């Protein structure tokens, strides 16, 4: 509280006549007249509280109940992403494919919502590059047979780096406090903070929505 204020409530300059009441003519009783007088009040005055900032909300977050999956990507933004990803892969003979993959996955997550929650892709091309070179070498040595292992391990890597936007931010802050996330090499199961709760939640939601491996 920073002080007091004076509030004056003033009514009309008149009074209520006893003849206005119908009961006066019936039983002859006179109702005392009411004189309207000003009233004063001293309410406490408090400092205004700044409102909380409003966060941008996408219209899809107000989707009807039961509409769990929403995708709002368009051909315009996808065309630019697809062309850039193709050029990166083509001119490097597939060596820099991780950069193209990250471009597409970030575009997909940016335009995807599950139960009104925005997806985010946290994987980086540099984090996948070492694994990709090893997989390419094994692919050549095994004359293409290792491709059956590359596809599921690549899908696992993408899901491990996909989560919900708010959960991913809190998980990143927690990992910094703990000294960094665990890592997963060669498609093994991640340990520690390597797999956050957001990625597991998305996997469960996709399994429930009819996704397939």
Protein backbone atom coordinates (compact mmCIF):
# COMPACT_ATOMS: atom_id res chain seq x y z
CA UNK A 1 0.00 0.00 0.00
CA UNK A 2 1.33 3.45 -0.92
CA UNK A 3 -1.36 5.71 0.66
CA UNK A 4 -5.05 6.58 0.92
CA UNK A 5 -7.49 8.26 -1.45
CA UNK A 6 -10.60 10.35 -0.79
CA UNK A 7 -13.71 9.13 -2.62
CA UNK A 8 -16.91 11.24 -2.48
CA UNK A 9 -20.15 9.54 -3.51
CA UNK A 10 -22.84 12.15 -4.20
CA UNK A 11 -26.49 11.36 -4.87
CA UNK A 12 -29.24 13.54 -6.39
CA UNK A 13 -30.17 16.75 -4.50
CA UNK A 14 -33.67 15.64 -3.57
CA UNK A 15 -35.65 13.62 -1.09
CA UNK A 16 -38.30 10.93 -1.27
CA UNK A 17 -41.75 12.37 -0.51
CA UNK A 18 -44.04 10.33 1.83
CA UNK A 19 -46.90 10.71 -0.68
CA UNK A 20 -44.89 8.66 -3.16
CA UNK A 21 -45.72 5.47 -1.24
CA UNK A 22 -49.11 3.90 -2.11
CA UNK A 23 -49.49 2.55 1.43
CA UNK A 24 -49.93 6.11 2.78
CA UNK A 25 -53.37 6.45 1.13
CA UNK A 26 -54.45 3.03 2.37
CA UNK A 27 -53.76 3.19 6.09
CA UNK A 28 -52.77 6.83 6.59
CA UNK A 29 -49.36 6.08 7.96
CA UNK A 30 -46.63 8.44 6.90
CA UNK A 31 -43.29 7.04 5.88
CA UNK A 32 -40.41 9.29 6.92
CA UNK A 33 -38.85 11.04 3.98
CA UNK A 34 -35.36 9.98 2.90
CA UNK A 35 -32.82 12.71 2.36
CA UNK A 36 -29.87 11.84 0.13
CA UNK A 37 -26.56 13.11 1.47
CA UNK A 38 -23.01 12.79 0.10
CA UNK A 39 -20.80 10.02 1.49
CA UNK A 40 -17.04 10.00 1.90
CA UNK A 41 -14.70 7.00 1.90
CA UNK A 42 -10.96 6.56 2.39
CA UNK A 43 -9.96 3.35 0.63
CA UNK A 44 -6.29 2.26 0.65
CA UNK A 45 -4.40 2.69 -2.61
CA UNK A 46 -1.91 0.02 -3.70
CA UNK A 47 0.76 0.19 -6.40
CA UNK A 48 -0.36 -1.35 -9.71
CA UNK A 49 0.98 -4.82 -10.46
CA UNK A 50 2.57 -5.30 -13.87
CA UNK A 51 0.70 -7.96 -15.84
CA UNK A 52 2.52 -11.11 -16.87
CA UNK A 53 3.81 -11.02 -20.45
CA UNK A 54 1.59 -12.76 -22.96
CA UNK A 55 3.22 -15.61 -24.85
CA UNK A 56 2.39 -16.10 -28.52
CA UNK A 57 -0.19 -18.82 -28.97
CA UNK A 58 -0.78 -20.60 -32.23
CA UNK A 59 -4.37 -21.08 -33.29
CA UNK A 60 -3.86 -24.83 -33.61
CA UNK A 61 -3.41 -25.07 -29.84
CA UNK A 62 -7.16 -24.47 -29.54
CA UNK A 63 -7.94 -27.47 -31.69
CA UNK A 64 -11.05 -29.48 -30.77
CA UNK A 65 -10.70 -32.18 -28.17
CA UNK A 66 -9.66 -35.43 -29.80
CA UNK A 67 -7.49 -33.79 -32.48
CA UNK A 68 -4.18 -34.95 -31.05
CA UNK A 69 -1.89 -34.40 -34.04
CA UNK A 70 -1.70 -31.11 -35.94
CA UNK A 71 0.65 -30.33 -38.82
CA UNK A 72 0.60 -26.88 -40.46
CA UNK A 73 3.56 -27.10 -42.83
CA UNK A 74 3.14 -25.75 -46.34
CA UNK A 75 4.67 -26.34 -49.74
CA UNK A 76 6.40 -22.95 -49.79
CA UNK A 77 8.62 -23.50 -46.76
CA UNK A 78 9.13 -27.18 -47.51
CA UNK A 79 10.31 -26.49 -51.07
CA UNK A 80 13.15 -24.27 -49.87
CA UNK A 81 14.17 -26.79 -47.22
CA UNK A 82 14.02 -29.74 -49.62
CA UNK A 83 16.08 -27.99 -52.32
CA UNK A 84 18.78 -26.97 -49.86
CA UNK A 85 18.91 -30.47 -48.36
CA UNK A 86 19.19 -32.03 -51.82
CA UNK A 87 22.02 -29.73 -52.88
CA UNK A 88 23.98 -30.43 -49.70
CA UNK A 89 23.62 -34.18 -50.18
CA UNK A 90 24.24 -34.20 -53.92
CA UNK A 91 27.38 -32.07 -54.07
CA UNK A 92 29.02 -33.92 -51.16
CA UNK A 93 28.14 -37.38 -52.54
CA UNK A 94 26.12 -38.14 -49.40
CA UNK A 95 28.93 -37.38 -46.96
CA UNK A 96 27.14 -34.32 -45.53
CA UNK A 97 23.74 -36.00 -45.47
CA UNK A 98 23.45 -35.33 -41.67
CA UNK A 99 23.16 -31.59 -42.42
CA UNK A 100 20.30 -32.25 -44.85
CA UNK A 101 18.56 -34.54 -42.39
CA UNK A 102 18.73 -31.96 -39.59
CA UNK A 103 17.26 -29.30 -41.90
CA UNK A 104 14.24 -31.49 -42.68
CA UNK A 105 13.71 -32.65 -39.09
CA UNK A 106 13.77 -29.11 -37.73
CA UNK A 107 11.22 -28.06 -40.35
CA UNK A 108 9.00 -31.02 -39.49
CA UNK A 109 9.13 -30.35 -35.73
CA UNK A 110 8.51 -26.63 -36.20
CA UNK A 111 5.18 -27.33 -37.88
CA UNK A 112 4.04 -30.23 -35.66
CA UNK A 113 1.93 -30.18 -32.50
CA UNK A 114 0.84 -33.12 -30.36
CA UNK A 115 -2.02 -32.45 -27.95
CA UNK A 116 -1.39 -28.73 -28.42
CA UNK A 117 2.30 -28.95 -27.50
CA UNK A 118 4.95 -27.71 -29.92
CA UNK A 119 7.62 -30.18 -31.01
CA UNK A 120 11.29 -29.24 -31.26
CA UNK A 121 14.23 -31.07 -32.79
CA UNK A 122 17.47 -30.71 -30.80
CA UNK A 123 19.79 -32.88 -32.86
CA UNK A 124 22.80 -31.35 -34.62
CA UNK A 125 24.57 -32.37 -37.80
CA UNK A 126 27.96 -32.40 -36.08
CA UNK A 127 26.60 -34.80 -33.46
CA UNK A 128 25.47 -37.24 -36.16
CA UNK A 129 28.42 -36.78 -38.53
CA UNK A 130 30.75 -39.25 -36.79
CA UNK A 131 28.09 -41.95 -36.67
CA UNK A 132 27.19 -41.34 -40.31
CA UNK A 133 30.79 -41.78 -41.50
CA UNK A 134 31.04 -45.05 -39.57
CA UNK A 135 27.77 -46.30 -41.02
CA UNK A 136 28.86 -45.42 -44.55
CA UNK A 137 32.10 -47.32 -44.09
CA UNK A 138 30.25 -50.40 -42.81
CA UNK A 139 27.79 -50.06 -45.69
CA UNK A 140 30.66 -50.22 -48.20
CA UNK A 141 32.45 -53.08 -46.45
CA UNK A 142 29.28 -55.20 -46.25
CA UNK A 143 28.28 -54.39 -49.83
CA UNK A 144 25.09 -52.67 -48.76
CA UNK A 145 23.90 -55.25 -46.23
CA UNK A 146 24.49 -52.87 -43.31
CA UNK A 147 21.70 -50.64 -44.67
CA UNK A 148 19.23 -52.78 -42.71
CA UNK A 149 20.91 -51.53 -39.50
CA UNK A 150 21.36 -47.92 -40.62
CA UNK A 151 17.65 -47.18 -41.07
CA UNK A 152 16.43 -48.16 -37.56
CA UNK A 153 19.45 -46.59 -35.86
CA UNK A 154 18.91 -43.36 -37.77
CA UNK A 155 15.22 -43.37 -36.79
CA UNK A 156 16.20 -43.96 -33.15
CA UNK A 157 18.62 -41.05 -33.25
CA UNK A 158 15.92 -38.73 -34.62
CA UNK A 159 13.42 -39.68 -31.91
CA UNK A 160 16.01 -39.33 -29.15
CA UNK A 161 16.49 -35.72 -30.24
CA UNK A 162 12.81 -34.87 -30.61
CA UNK A 163 10.80 -33.54 -27.70
CA UNK A 164 8.32 -30.94 -26.55
CA UNK A 165 9.49 -27.34 -26.55
CA UNK A 166 9.00 -26.50 -22.85
CA UNK A 167 10.29 -29.86 -21.60
CA UNK A 168 13.37 -29.64 -23.80
CA UNK A 169 14.31 -26.25 -22.39
CA UNK A 170 13.98 -27.43 -18.79
CA UNK A 171 15.88 -30.63 -19.59
CA UNK A 172 18.73 -28.66 -21.15
CA UNK A 173 19.04 -26.48 -18.08
CA UNK A 174 19.07 -29.57 -15.85
CA UNK A 175 21.77 -31.22 -17.96
CA UNK A 176 24.00 -28.16 -17.64
CA UNK A 177 23.69 -28.34 -13.85
CA UNK A 178 24.51 -32.05 -13.87
CA UNK A 179 27.56 -31.68 -16.10
CA UNK A 180 26.16 -32.66 -19.52
CA UNK A 181 23.97 -35.36 -21.04
CA UNK A 182 24.89 -38.98 -21.64
CA UNK A 183 25.66 -40.04 -25.18
CA UNK A 184 24.66 -42.98 -27.32
CA UNK A 185 27.03 -44.41 -29.92
CA UNK A 186 26.38 -47.00 -32.57
CA UNK A 187 22.65 -47.07 -31.89
CA UNK A 188 22.96 -48.28 -28.27
CA UNK A 189 20.48 -47.33 -25.60
CA UNK A 190 21.10 -43.83 -24.18
CA UNK A 191 21.90 -43.45 -20.51
CA UNK A 192 21.63 -40.65 -17.98
CA UNK A 193 20.11 -37.53 -19.44
CA UNK A 194 20.78 -38.57 -23.03
CA UNK A 195 17.10 -39.34 -23.56
CA UNK A 196 14.85 -36.67 -22.09
CA UNK A 197 11.26 -37.12 -21.00
CA UNK A 198 10.01 -35.13 -23.99
CA UNK A 199 11.33 -37.62 -26.54
CA UNK A 200 9.82 -40.53 -24.60
CA UNK A 201 6.50 -38.70 -24.43
CA UNK A 202 6.45 -38.13 -28.19
CA UNK A 203 7.30 -41.78 -28.84
CA UNK A 204 4.44 -42.93 -26.62
CA UNK A 205 2.02 -40.53 -28.30
CA UNK A 206 3.01 -41.68 -31.77
CA UNK A 207 2.67 -45.34 -30.72
CA UNK A 208 -0.81 -44.64 -29.42
CA UNK A 209 -1.73 -42.75 -32.60
CA UNK A 210 -1.00 -45.70 -34.83
CA UNK A 211 2.63 -45.05 -35.74
CA UNK A 212 4.71 -47.89 -37.10
CA UNK A 213 8.37 -48.66 -37.21
